[in-house]
Amino acid sequence: QVQIRESGGDLVQPGGSLRLSCTTSGIIFNRYTINWYRQAPGKQRELVASISSTTDTKYVDSVKGRFAISRDDARKMGYLQMNSLKPEDTAVYYCNALRASWGDFWGQGTQVTVSS
């Protein structure tokens, strides 16, 4: 049984930092691309950052230089380090494990709120 679970969401002041974690089980983790998406109220879900099985990374322009995605294949975990947070970063953040023809798995999300 595949399980994907996010943690680390919180209320933080503008300029603050958070580290989100994605815990997985039931997949061959080192073969999957790990994506972090977010969805703000009234907006479409957007891809924030991605890290491939070969550790290539991609970011949406709005978070470049502030967010860093990483992975620990031994622990089967993904991470999203978020620095210099802004109110517009407020959203539910989702972890996604993806490998074409193998599977597309999602967590339930973790709330990040940036507010003073």
PDB file of N, CA and C in Angstrom:
ATOM      1  N   GLN A   1       0.846  -1.190   0.000  1.00  0.00           N
ATOM      2  CA  GLN A   1       0.000   0.000   0.000  1.00  0.00           C
ATOM      3  C   GLN A   1       0.886   1.246   0.000  1.00  0.00           C
ATOM      4  N   VAL A   2       0.594   2.139  -0.923  1.00  0.00           N
ATOM      5  CA  VAL A   2       1.372   3.363  -1.038  1.00  0.00           C
ATOM      6  C   VAL A   2       0.838   4.417  -0.068  1.00  0.00           C
ATOM      7  N   GLN A   3       1.748   5.045   0.653  1.00  0.00           N
ATOM      8  CA  GLN A   3       1.372   6.145   1.536  1.00  0.00           C
ATOM      9  C   GLN A   3       2.307   7.323   1.298  1.00  0.00           C
ATOM     10  N   ILE A   4       1.715   8.474   1.153  1.00  0.00           N
ATOM     11  CA  ILE A   4       2.447   9.724   1.009  1.00  0.00           C
ATOM     12  C   ILE A   4       1.914  10.665   2.081  1.00  0.00           C
ATOM     13  N   ARG A   5       2.788  11.237   2.879  1.00  0.00           N
ATOM     14  CA  ARG A   5       2.320  12.101   3.965  1.00  0.00           C
ATOM     15  C   ARG A   5       3.217  13.307   4.109  1.00  0.00           C
ATOM     16  N   GLU A   6       2.593  14.491   4.071  1.00  0.00           N
ATOM     17  CA  GLU A   6       3.323  15.737   4.257  1.00  0.00           C
ATOM     18  C   GLU A   6       3.274  16.166   5.726  1.00  0.00           C
ATOM     19  N   SER A   7       4.281  16.878   6.146  1.00  0.00           N
ATOM     20  CA  SER A   7       4.302  17.465   7.486  1.00  0.00           C
ATOM     21  C   SER A   7       5.154  18.724   7.454  1.00  0.00           C
ATOM     22  N   GLY A   8       5.000  19.535   8.489  1.00  0.00           N
ATOM     23  CA  GLY A   8       5.833  20.722   8.627  1.00  0.00           C
ATOM     24  C   GLY A   8       5.125  22.032   8.353  1.00  0.00           C
ATOM     25  N   GLY A   9       3.893  21.976   7.879  1.00  0.00           N
ATOM     26  CA  GLY A   9       3.162  23.208   7.652  1.00  0.00           C
ATOM     27  C   GLY A   9       2.853  23.922   8.963  1.00  0.00           C
ATOM     28  N   ASP A  10       2.764  25.257   8.882  1.00  0.00           N
ATOM     29  CA  ASP A  10       2.557  26.035  10.119  1.00  0.00           C
ATOM     30  C   ASP A  10       2.181  27.453   9.754  1.00  0.00           C
ATOM     31  N   LEU A  11       1.900  28.240  10.773  1.00  0.00           N
ATOM     32  CA  LEU A  11       1.718  29.681  10.628  1.00  0.00           C
ATOM     33  C   LEU A  11       3.075  30.338  10.883  1.00  0.00           C
ATOM     34  N   VAL A  12       3.508  31.174   9.950  1.00  0.00           N
ATOM     35  CA  VAL A  12       4.815  31.812  10.069  1.00  0.00           C
ATOM     36  C   VAL A  12       4.691  33.263   9.624  1.00  0.00           C
ATOM     37  N   GLN A  13       5.533  34.116  10.182  1.00  0.00           N
ATOM     38  CA  GLN A  13       5.515  35.516   9.798  1.00  0.00           C
ATOM     39  C   GLN A  13       6.232  35.729   8.476  1.00  0.00           C
ATOM     40  N   PRO A  14       5.882  36.785   7.767  1.00  0.00           N
ATOM     41  CA  PRO A  14       6.618  37.105   6.529  1.00  0.00           C
ATOM     42  C   PRO A  14       8.114  37.212   6.811  1.00  0.00           C
ATOM     43  N   GLY A  15       8.892  36.654   5.889  1.00  0.00           N
ATOM     44  CA  GLY A  15      10.332  36.616   6.063  1.00  0.00           C
ATOM     45  C   GLY A  15      10.831  35.384   6.785  1.00  0.00           C
ATOM     46  N   GLY A  16       9.921  34.611   7.331  1.00  0.00           N
ATOM     47  CA  GLY A  16      10.297  33.414   8.069  1.00  0.00           C
ATOM     48  C   GLY A  16      10.582  32.227   7.177  1.00  0.00           C
ATOM     49  N   SER A  17      10.875  31.104   7.823  1.00  0.00           N
ATOM     50  CA  SER A  17      11.237  29.881   7.110  1.00  0.00           C
ATOM     51  C   SER A  17      10.436  28.700   7.638  1.00  0.00           C
ATOM     52  N   LEU A  18      10.241  27.735   6.762  1.00  0.00           N
ATOM     53  CA  LEU A  18       9.648  26.454   7.122  1.00  0.00           C
ATOM     54  C   LEU A  18      10.319  25.367   6.306  1.00  0.00           C
ATOM     55  N   ARG A  19      10.325  24.174   6.860  1.00  0.00           N
ATOM     56  CA  ARG A  19      10.793  23.012   6.109  1.00  0.00           C
ATOM     57  C   ARG A  19       9.672  21.976   6.082  1.00  0.00           C
ATOM     58  N   LEU A  20       9.200  21.679   4.887  1.00  0.00           N
ATOM     59  CA  LEU A  20       8.187  20.648   4.708  1.00  0.00           C
ATOM     60  C   LEU A  20       8.867  19.320   4.450  1.00  0.00           C
ATOM     61  N   SER A  21       8.256  18.259   4.980  1.00  0.00           N
ATOM     62  CA  SER A  21       8.759  16.911   4.770  1.00  0.00           C
ATOM     63  C   SER A  21       7.690  16.070   4.098  1.00  0.00           C
ATOM     64  N   CYS A  22       8.137  15.147   3.280  1.00  0.00           N
ATOM     65  CA  CYS A  22       7.258  14.210   2.597  1.00  0.00           C
ATOM     66  C   CYS A  22       7.745  12.803   2.928  1.00  0.00           C
ATOM     67  N   THR A  23       6.959  12.087   3.688  1.00  0.00           N
ATOM     68  CA  THR A  23       7.292  10.718   4.077  1.00  0.00           C
ATOM     69  C   THR A  23       6.557   9.755   3.158  1.00  0.00           C
ATOM     70  N   THR A  24       7.270   8.772   2.629  1.00  0.00           N
ATOM     71  CA  THR A  24       6.646   7.834   1.698  1.00  0.00           C
ATOM     72  C   THR A  24       6.874   6.396   2.138  1.00  0.00           C
ATOM     73  N   SER A  25       5.986   5.542   1.671  1.00  0.00           N
ATOM     74  CA  SER A  25       6.161   4.111   1.846  1.00  0.00           C
ATOM     75  C   SER A  25       5.411   3.410   0.727  1.00  0.00           C
ATOM     76  N   GLY A  26       5.860   2.196   0.414  1.00  0.00           N
ATOM     77  CA  GLY A  26       5.172   1.410  -0.595  1.00  0.00           C
ATOM     78  C   GLY A  26       5.575   1.683  -2.022  1.00  0.00           C
ATOM     79  N   ILE A  27       6.597   2.537  -2.225  1.00  0.00           N
ATOM     80  CA  ILE A  27       7.092   2.793  -3.579  1.00  0.00           C
ATOM     81  C   ILE A  27       8.606   2.596  -3.612  1.00  0.00           C
ATOM     82  N   ILE A  28       9.117   2.351  -4.816  1.00  0.00           N
ATOM     83  CA  ILE A  28      10.570   2.302  -5.001  1.00  0.00           C
ATOM     84  C   ILE A  28      11.013   3.752  -5.127  1.00  0.00           C
ATOM     85  N   PHE A  29      11.242   4.363  -3.993  1.00  0.00           N
ATOM     86  CA  PHE A  29      11.358   5.817  -3.914  1.00  0.00           C
ATOM     87  C   PHE A  29      12.406   6.373  -4.860  1.00  0.00           C
ATOM     88  N   ASN A  30      13.554   5.720  -4.962  1.00  0.00           N
ATOM     89  CA  ASN A  30      14.648   6.318  -5.736  1.00  0.00           C
ATOM     90  C   ASN A  30      14.389   6.331  -7.234  1.00  0.00           C
ATOM     91  N   ARG A  31      13.273   5.756  -7.663  1.00  0.00           N
ATOM     92  CA  ARG A  31      12.926   5.777  -9.082  1.00  0.00           C
ATOM     93  C   ARG A  31      11.892   6.856  -9.417  1.00  0.00           C
ATOM     94  N   TYR A  32      11.388   7.513  -8.406  1.00  0.00           N
ATOM     95  CA  TYR A  32      10.312   8.477  -8.601  1.00  0.00           C
ATOM     96  C   TYR A  32      10.809   9.913  -8.591  1.00  0.00           C
ATOM     97  N   THR A  33      10.181  10.734  -9.421  1.00  0.00           N
ATOM     98  CA  THR A  33      10.306  12.181  -9.289  1.00  0.00           C
ATOM     99  C   THR A  33       9.410  12.630  -8.147  1.00  0.00           C
ATOM    100  N   ILE A  34       9.935  13.514  -7.317  1.00  0.00           N
ATOM    101  CA  ILE A  34       9.171  14.079  -6.213  1.00  0.00           C
ATOM    102  C   ILE A  34       8.842  15.528  -6.539  1.00  0.00           C
ATOM    103  N   ASN A  35       7.569  15.826  -6.505  1.00  0.00           N
ATOM    104  CA  ASN A  35       7.077  17.170  -6.795  1.00  0.00           C
ATOM    105  C   ASN A  35       6.395  17.758  -5.566  1.00  0.00           C
ATOM    106  N   TRP A  36       6.541  19.045  -5.412  1.00  0.00           N
ATOM    107  CA  TRP A  36       5.757  19.796  -4.431  1.00  0.00           C
ATOM    108  C   TRP A  36       4.837  20.739  -5.196  1.00  0.00           C
ATOM    109  N   TYR A  37       3.550  20.611  -4.927  1.00  0.00           N
ATOM    110  CA  TYR A  37       2.534  21.493  -5.487  1.00  0.00           C
ATOM    111  C   TYR A  37       1.951  22.328  -4.345  1.00  0.00           C
ATOM    112  N   ARG A  38       1.275  23.388  -4.720  1.00  0.00           N
ATOM    113  CA  ARG A  38       0.508  24.152  -3.731  1.00  0.00           C
ATOM    114  C   ARG A  38      -0.783  24.651  -4.361  1.00  0.00           C
ATOM    115  N   GLN A  39      -1.760  24.854  -3.488  1.00  0.00           N
ATOM    116  CA  GLN A  39      -3.039  25.385  -3.937  1.00  0.00           C
ATOM    117  C   GLN A  39      -3.540  26.388  -2.922  1.00  0.00           C
ATOM    118  N   ALA A  40      -3.659  27.612  -3.375  1.00  0.00           N
ATOM    119  CA  ALA A  40      -4.199  28.685  -2.545  1.00  0.00           C
ATOM    120  C   ALA A  40      -5.708  28.769  -2.761  1.00  0.00           C
ATOM    121  N   PRO A  41      -6.438  29.321  -1.800  1.00  0.00           N
ATOM    122  CA  PRO A  41      -7.897  29.425  -1.934  1.00  0.00           C
ATOM    123  C   PRO A  41      -8.290  30.150  -3.221  1.00  0.00           C
ATOM    124  N   GLY A  42      -9.177  29.545  -3.972  1.00  0.00           N
ATOM    125  CA  GLY A  42      -9.664  30.155  -5.203  1.00  0.00           C
ATOM    126  C   GLY A  42      -8.716  30.085  -6.381  1.00  0.00           C
ATOM    127  N   LYS A  43      -7.606  29.384  -6.213  1.00  0.00           N
ATOM    128  CA  LYS A  43      -6.617  29.289  -7.298  1.00  0.00           C
ATOM    129  C   LYS A  43      -6.392  27.835  -7.692  1.00  0.00           C
ATOM    130  N   GLN A  44      -5.831  27.666  -8.875  1.00  0.00           N
ATOM    131  CA  GLN A  44      -5.509  26.326  -9.338  1.00  0.00           C
ATOM    132  C   GLN A  44      -4.247  25.812  -8.637  1.00  0.00           C
ATOM    133  N   ARG A  45      -4.162  24.519  -8.550  1.00  0.00           N
ATOM    134  CA  ARG A  45      -2.958  23.907  -7.991  1.00  0.00           C
ATOM    135  C   ARG A  45      -1.792  24.172  -8.934  1.00  0.00           C
ATOM    136  N   GLU A  46      -0.651  24.567  -8.371  1.00  0.00           N
ATOM    137  CA  GLU A  46       0.512  24.845  -9.208  1.00  0.00           C
ATOM    138  C   GLU A  46       1.717  24.041  -8.734  1.00  0.00           C
ATOM    139  N   LEU A  47       2.552  23.670  -9.683  1.00  0.00           N
ATOM    140  CA  LEU A  47       3.789  22.967  -9.379  1.00  0.00           C
ATOM    141  C   LEU A  47       4.810  23.978  -8.883  1.00  0.00           C
ATOM    142  N   VAL A  48       5.316  23.765  -7.686  1.00  0.00           N
ATOM    143  CA  VAL A  48       6.254  24.685  -7.071  1.00  0.00           C
ATOM    144  C   VAL A  48       7.697  24.252  -7.325  1.00  0.00           C
ATOM    145  N   ALA A  49       7.975  22.984  -7.112  1.00  0.00           N
ATOM    146  CA  ALA A  49       9.344  22.490  -7.250  1.00  0.00           C
ATOM    147  C   ALA A  49       9.306  21.005  -7.552  1.00  0.00           C
ATOM    148  N   SER A  50      10.374  20.554  -8.211  1.00  0.00           N
ATOM    149  CA  SER A  50      10.456  19.172  -8.636  1.00  0.00           C
ATOM    150  C   SER A  50      11.894  18.694  -8.523  1.00  0.00           C
ATOM    151  N   ILE A  51      12.064  17.436  -8.108  1.00  0.00           N
ATOM    152  CA  ILE A  51      13.393  16.837  -8.091  1.00  0.00           C
ATOM    153  C   ILE A  51      13.285  15.438  -8.684  1.00  0.00           C
ATOM    154  N   SER A  52      14.086  15.196  -9.700  1.00  0.00           N
ATOM    155  CA  SER A  52      14.028  13.914 -10.398  1.00  0.00           C
ATOM    156  C   SER A  52      14.802  12.852  -9.629  1.00  0.00           C
ATOM    157  N   SER A  53      14.729  11.619 -10.152  1.00  0.00           N
ATOM    158  CA  SER A  53      15.465  10.517  -9.542  1.00  0.00           C
ATOM    159  C   SER A  53      16.970  10.715  -9.656  1.00  0.00           C
ATOM    160  N   THR A  54      17.383  11.569 -10.598  1.00  0.00           N
ATOM    161  CA  THR A  54      18.808  11.886 -10.749  1.00  0.00           C
ATOM    162  C   THR A  54      19.159  13.231 -10.115  1.00  0.00           C
ATOM    163  N   THR A  55      18.252  13.739  -9.290  1.00  0.00           N
ATOM    164  CA  THR A  55      18.400  14.973  -8.505  1.00  0.00           C
ATOM    165  C   THR A  55      18.440  16.250  -9.338  1.00  0.00           C
ATOM    166  N   ASP A  56      17.940  16.205 -10.558  1.00  0.00           N
ATOM    167  CA  ASP A  56      17.730  17.445 -11.290  1.00  0.00           C
ATOM    168  C   ASP A  56      16.562  18.186 -10.645  1.00  0.00           C
ATOM    169  N   THR A  57      16.708  19.475 -10.485  1.00  0.00           N
ATOM    170  CA  THR A  57      15.671  20.254  -9.815  1.00  0.00           C
ATOM    171  C   THR A  57      15.103  21.334 -10.726  1.00  0.00           C
ATOM    172  N   LYS A  58      13.842  21.649 -10.489  1.00  0.00           N
ATOM    173  CA  LYS A  58      13.177  22.733 -11.209  1.00  0.00           C
ATOM    174  C   LYS A  58      12.302  23.482 -10.219  1.00  0.00           C
ATOM    175  N   TYR A  59      12.134  24.771 -10.483  1.00  0.00           N
ATOM    176  CA  TYR A  59      11.322  25.622  -9.608  1.00  0.00           C
ATOM    177  C   TYR A  59      10.446  26.558 -10.435  1.00  0.00           C
ATOM    178  N   VAL A  60       9.297  26.862  -9.897  1.00  0.00           N
ATOM    179  CA  VAL A  60       8.497  27.926 -10.493  1.00  0.00           C
ATOM    180  C   VAL A  60       9.212  29.246 -10.213  1.00  0.00           C
ATOM    181  N   ASP A  61       9.086  30.194 -11.123  1.00  0.00           N
ATOM    182  CA  ASP A  61       9.862  31.436 -11.017  1.00  0.00           C
ATOM    183  C   ASP A  61       9.636  32.160  -9.693  1.00  0.00           C
ATOM    184  N   SER A  62       8.425  32.094  -9.176  1.00  0.00           N
ATOM    185  CA  SER A  62       8.092  32.877  -7.986  1.00  0.00           C
ATOM    186  C   SER A  62       8.817  32.414  -6.719  1.00  0.00           C
ATOM    187  N   VAL A  63       9.419  31.224  -6.743  1.00  0.00           N
ATOM    188  CA  VAL A  63      10.106  30.723  -5.548  1.00  0.00           C
ATOM    189  C   VAL A  63      11.608  30.547  -5.761  1.00  0.00           C
ATOM    190  N   LYS A  64      12.085  30.802  -6.962  1.00  0.00           N
ATOM    191  CA  LYS A  64      13.519  30.634  -7.228  1.00  0.00           C
ATOM    192  C   LYS A  64      14.343  31.525  -6.307  1.00  0.00           C
ATOM    193  N   GLY A  65      15.364  30.929  -5.726  1.00  0.00           N
ATOM    194  CA  GLY A  65      16.216  31.668  -4.797  1.00  0.00           C
ATOM    195  C   GLY A  65      15.711  31.673  -3.369  1.00  0.00           C
ATOM    196  N   ARG A  66      14.485  31.231  -3.154  1.00  0.00           N
ATOM    197  CA  ARG A  66      13.912  31.193  -1.799  1.00  0.00           C
ATOM    198  C   ARG A  66      13.637  29.773  -1.312  1.00  0.00           C
ATOM    199  N   PHE A  67      13.225  28.912  -2.216  1.00  0.00           N
ATOM    200  CA  PHE A  67      12.880  27.534  -1.860  1.00  0.00           C
ATOM    201  C   PHE A  67      13.957  26.580  -2.372  1.00  0.00           C
ATOM    202  N   ALA A  68      14.127  25.472  -1.656  1.00  0.00           N
ATOM    203  CA  ALA A  68      15.061  24.437  -2.086  1.00  0.00           C
ATOM    204  C   ALA A  68      14.437  23.071  -1.868  1.00  0.00           C
ATOM    205  N   ILE A  69      14.389  22.289  -2.925  1.00  0.00           N
ATOM    206  CA  ILE A  69      13.853  20.930  -2.842  1.00  0.00           C
ATOM    207  C   ILE A  69      15.007  19.947  -2.713  1.00  0.00           C
ATOM    208  N   SER A  70      14.791  18.902  -1.936  1.00  0.00           N
ATOM    209  CA  SER A  70      15.827  17.888  -1.777  1.00  0.00           C
ATOM    210  C   SER A  70      15.161  16.536  -1.511  1.00  0.00           C
ATOM    211  N   ARG A  71      15.988  15.499  -1.515  1.00  0.00           N
ATOM    212  CA  ARG A  71      15.467  14.166  -1.270  1.00  0.00           C
ATOM    213  C   ARG A  71      16.497  13.335  -0.532  1.00  0.00           C
ATOM    214  N   ASP A  72      16.013  12.378   0.246  1.00  0.00           N
ATOM    215  CA  ASP A  72      16.867  11.421   0.934  1.00  0.00           C
ATOM    216  C   ASP A  72      16.366  10.039   0.531  1.00  0.00           C
ATOM    217  N   ASP A  73      17.033   9.429  -0.438  1.00  0.00           N
ATOM    218  CA  ASP A  73      16.557   8.151  -0.956  1.00  0.00           C
ATOM    219  C   ASP A  73      16.645   7.042   0.098  1.00  0.00           C
ATOM    220  N   ALA A  74      17.613   7.127   0.974  1.00  0.00           N
ATOM    221  CA  ALA A  74      17.746   6.098   2.010  1.00  0.00           C
ATOM    222  C   ALA A  74      16.553   6.124   2.962  1.00  0.00           C
ATOM    223  N   ARG A  75      16.066   7.310   3.268  1.00  0.00           N
ATOM    224  CA  ARG A  75      14.927   7.447   4.172  1.00  0.00           C
ATOM    225  C   ARG A  75      13.603   7.495   3.437  1.00  0.00           C
ATOM    226  N   LYS A  76      13.656   7.519   2.098  1.00  0.00           N
ATOM    227  CA  LYS A  76      12.446   7.609   1.269  1.00  0.00           C
ATOM    228  C   LYS A  76      11.647   8.866   1.603  1.00  0.00           C
ATOM    229  N   MET A  77      12.357   9.955   1.724  1.00  0.00           N
ATOM    230  CA  MET A  77      11.719  11.215   2.092  1.00  0.00           C
ATOM    231  C   MET A  77      12.118  12.329   1.144  1.00  0.00           C
ATOM    232  N   GLY A  78      11.180  13.267   0.963  1.00  0.00           N
ATOM    233  CA  GLY A  78      11.445  14.483   0.222  1.00  0.00           C
ATOM    234  C   GLY A  78      11.268  15.681   1.134  1.00  0.00           C
ATOM    235  N   TYR A  79      11.905  16.790   0.747  1.00  0.00           N
ATOM    236  CA  TYR A  79      11.856  17.982   1.584  1.00  0.00           C
ATOM    237  C   TYR A  79      11.674  19.227   0.719  1.00  0.00           C
ATOM    238  N   LEU A  80      11.079  20.226   1.318  1.00  0.00           N
ATOM    239  CA  LEU A  80      11.003  21.537   0.683  1.00  0.00           C
ATOM    240  C   LEU A  80      11.363  22.576   1.744  1.00  0.00           C
ATOM    241  N   GLN A  81      12.550  23.150   1.608  1.00  0.00           N
ATOM    242  CA  GLN A  81      12.991  24.217   2.495  1.00  0.00           C
ATOM    243  C   GLN A  81      12.495  25.532   1.919  1.00  0.00           C
ATOM    244  N   MET A  82      11.756  26.276   2.724  1.00  0.00           N
ATOM    245  CA  MET A  82      11.148  27.515   2.256  1.00  0.00           C
ATOM    246  C   MET A  82      11.661  28.667   3.119  1.00  0.00           C
ATOM    247  N   ASN A  83      12.354  29.588   2.484  1.00  0.00           N
ATOM    248  CA  ASN A  83      12.911  30.748   3.175  1.00  0.00           C
ATOM    249  C   ASN A  83      12.281  32.032   2.645  1.00  0.00           C
ATOM    250  N   SER A  84      12.462  33.105   3.390  1.00  0.00           N
ATOM    251  CA  SER A  84      11.949  34.413   2.969  1.00  0.00           C
ATOM    252  C   SER A  84      10.487  34.321   2.543  1.00  0.00           C
ATOM    253  N   LEU A  85       9.700  33.684   3.359  1.00  0.00           N
ATOM    254  CA  LEU A  85       8.307  33.439   2.997  1.00  0.00           C
ATOM    255  C   LEU A  85       7.516  34.727   2.889  1.00  0.00           C
ATOM    256  N   LYS A  86       6.587  34.716   1.958  1.00  0.00           N
ATOM    257  CA  LYS A  86       5.734  35.870   1.672  1.00  0.00           C
ATOM    258  C   LYS A  86       4.275  35.477   1.873  1.00  0.00           C
ATOM    259  N   PRO A  87       3.412  36.437   2.122  1.00  0.00           N
ATOM    260  CA  PRO A  87       1.981  36.107   2.267  1.00  0.00           C
ATOM    261  C   PRO A  87       1.427  35.346   1.063  1.00  0.00           C
ATOM    262  N   GLU A  88       1.941  35.632  -0.116  1.00  0.00           N
ATOM    263  CA  GLU A  88       1.447  34.942  -1.309  1.00  0.00           C
ATOM    264  C   GLU A  88       1.900  33.490  -1.388  1.00  0.00           C
ATOM    265  N   ASP A  89       2.747  33.054  -0.474  1.00  0.00           N
ATOM    266  CA  ASP A  89       3.110  31.643  -0.393  1.00  0.00           C
ATOM    267  C   ASP A  89       2.076  30.837   0.399  1.00  0.00           C
ATOM    268  N   THR A  90       1.119  31.523   0.990  1.00  0.00           N
ATOM    269  CA  THR A  90       0.078  30.837   1.758  1.00  0.00           C
ATOM    270  C   THR A  90      -0.716  29.907   0.862  1.00  0.00           C
ATOM    271  N   ALA A  91      -0.785  28.642   1.260  1.00  0.00           N
ATOM    272  CA  ALA A  91      -1.457  27.618   0.458  1.00  0.00           C
ATOM    273  C   ALA A  91      -1.397  26.291   1.195  1.00  0.00           C
ATOM    274  N   VAL A  92      -2.137  25.339   0.672  1.00  0.00           N
ATOM    275  CA  VAL A  92      -1.945  23.955   1.069  1.00  0.00           C
ATOM    276  C   VAL A  92      -0.881  23.375   0.141  1.00  0.00           C
ATOM    277  N   TYR A  93       0.133  22.773   0.731  1.00  0.00           N
ATOM    278  CA  TYR A  93       1.244  22.201  -0.023  1.00  0.00           C
ATOM    279  C   TYR A  93       1.104  20.678  -0.074  1.00  0.00           C
ATOM    280  N   TYR A  94       1.261  20.149  -1.287  1.00  0.00           N
ATOM    281  CA  TYR A  94       1.084  18.732  -1.521  1.00  0.00           C
ATOM    282  C   TYR A  94       2.375  18.111  -2.045  1.00  0.00           C
ATOM    283  N   CYS A  95       2.660  16.934  -1.562  1.00  0.00           N
ATOM    284  CA  CYS A  95       3.766  16.136  -2.093  1.00  0.00           C
ATOM    285  C   CYS A  95       3.197  15.143  -3.107  1.00  0.00           C
ATOM    286  N   ASN A  96       3.912  14.992  -4.217  1.00  0.00           N
ATOM    287  CA  ASN A  96       3.505  14.081  -5.285  1.00  0.00           C
ATOM    288  C   ASN A  96       4.709  13.231  -5.678  1.00  0.00           C
ATOM    289  N   ALA A  97       4.498  11.943  -5.739  1.00  0.00           N
ATOM    290  CA  ALA A  97       5.524  11.015  -6.232  1.00  0.00           C
ATOM    291  C   ALA A  97       5.064  10.499  -7.587  1.00  0.00           C
ATOM    292  N   LEU A  98       5.903  10.714  -8.591  1.00  0.00           N
ATOM    293  CA  LEU A  98       5.488  10.429  -9.966  1.00  0.00           C
ATOM    294  C   LEU A  98       6.549   9.659 -10.727  1.00  0.00           C
ATOM    295  N   ARG A  99       6.088   8.604 -11.387  1.00  0.00           N
ATOM    296  CA  ARG A  99       6.926   7.937 -12.380  1.00  0.00           C
ATOM    297  C   ARG A  99       5.990   7.416 -13.455  1.00  0.00           C
ATOM    298  N   ALA A 100       6.227   7.835 -14.662  1.00  0.00           N
ATOM    299  CA  ALA A 100       5.349   7.467 -15.773  1.00  0.00           C
ATOM    300  C   ALA A 100       5.231   5.955 -15.864  1.00  0.00           C
ATOM    301  N   SER A 101       4.034   5.470 -16.008  1.00  0.00           N
ATOM    302  CA  SER A 101       3.639   4.060 -16.145  1.00  0.00           C
ATOM    303  C   SER A 101       3.763   3.271 -14.844  1.00  0.00           C
ATOM    304  N   TRP A 102       4.364   3.849 -13.823  1.00  0.00           N
ATOM    305  CA  TRP A 102       4.434   3.174 -12.527  1.00  0.00           C
ATOM    306  C   TRP A 102       3.379   3.704 -11.565  1.00  0.00           C
ATOM    307  N   GLY A 103       3.203   5.015 -11.524  1.00  0.00           N
ATOM    308  CA  GLY A 103       2.224   5.546 -10.599  1.00  0.00           C
ATOM    309  C   GLY A 103       2.350   7.034 -10.379  1.00  0.00           C
ATOM    310  N   ASP A 104       1.270   7.609  -9.860  1.00  0.00           N
ATOM    311  CA  ASP A 104       1.158   9.040  -9.583  1.00  0.00           C
ATOM    312  C   ASP A 104       0.448   9.141  -8.236  1.00  0.00           C
ATOM    313  N   PHE A 105       1.210   9.408  -7.182  1.00  0.00           N
ATOM    314  CA  PHE A 105       0.685   9.307  -5.827  1.00  0.00           C
ATOM    315  C   PHE A 105       0.761  10.651  -5.103  1.00  0.00           C
ATOM    316  N   TRP A 106      -0.284  10.937  -4.321  1.00  0.00           N
ATOM    317  CA  TRP A 106      -0.416  12.225  -3.658  1.00  0.00           C
ATOM    318  C   TRP A 106      -0.635  12.062  -2.157  1.00  0.00           C
ATOM    319  N   GLY A 107      -0.155  13.057  -1.435  1.00  0.00           N
ATOM    320  CA  GLY A 107      -0.468  13.159  -0.023  1.00  0.00           C
ATOM    321  C   GLY A 107      -1.713  14.001   0.185  1.00  0.00           C
ATOM    322  N   GLN A 108      -2.085  14.183   1.438  1.00  0.00           N
ATOM    323  CA  GLN A 108      -3.294  14.917   1.786  1.00  0.00           C
ATOM    324  C   GLN A 108      -3.052  16.421   1.923  1.00  0.00           C
ATOM    325  N   GLY A 109      -1.802  16.821   1.962  1.00  0.00           N
ATOM    326  CA  GLY A 109      -1.487  18.242   2.033  1.00  0.00           C
ATOM    327  C   GLY A 109      -1.190  18.730   3.437  1.00  0.00           C
ATOM    328  N   THR A 110      -0.443  19.828   3.497  1.00  0.00           N
ATOM    329  CA  THR A 110      -0.140  20.482   4.764  1.00  0.00           C
ATOM    330  C   THR A 110      -0.297  21.987   4.572  1.00  0.00           C
ATOM    331  N   GLN A 111      -0.928  22.635   5.534  1.00  0.00           N
ATOM    332  CA  GLN A 111      -1.240  24.060   5.400  1.00  0.00           C
ATOM    333  C   GLN A 111      -0.047  24.913   5.786  1.00  0.00           C
ATOM    334  N   VAL A 112       0.287  25.841   4.901  1.00  0.00           N
ATOM    335  CA  VAL A 112       1.295  26.864   5.183  1.00  0.00           C
ATOM    336  C   VAL A 112       0.599  28.213   5.142  1.00  0.00           C
ATOM    337  N   THR A 113       0.686  28.957   6.230  1.00  0.00           N
ATOM    338  CA  THR A 113       0.088  30.277   6.302  1.00  0.00           C
ATOM    339  C   THR A 113       1.170  31.285   6.668  1.00  0.00           C
ATOM    340  N   VAL A 114       1.316  32.294   5.826  1.00  0.00           N
ATOM    341  CA  VAL A 114       2.305  33.340   6.050  1.00  0.00           C
ATOM    342  C   VAL A 114       1.551  34.632   6.347  1.00  0.00           C
ATOM    343  N   SER A 115       1.647  35.049   7.588  1.00  0.00           N
ATOM    344  CA  SER A 115       0.873  36.210   8.012  1.00  0.00           C
ATOM    345  C   SER A 115       1.486  36.808   9.273  1.00  0.00           C
ATOM    346  N   SER A 116       1.362  38.119   9.398  1.00  0.00           N
ATOM    347  CA  SER A 116       1.830  38.798  10.603  1.00  0.00           C
ATOM    348  C   SER A 116       0.694  38.955  11.599  1.00  0.00           C
TER     349      SER A 116
END
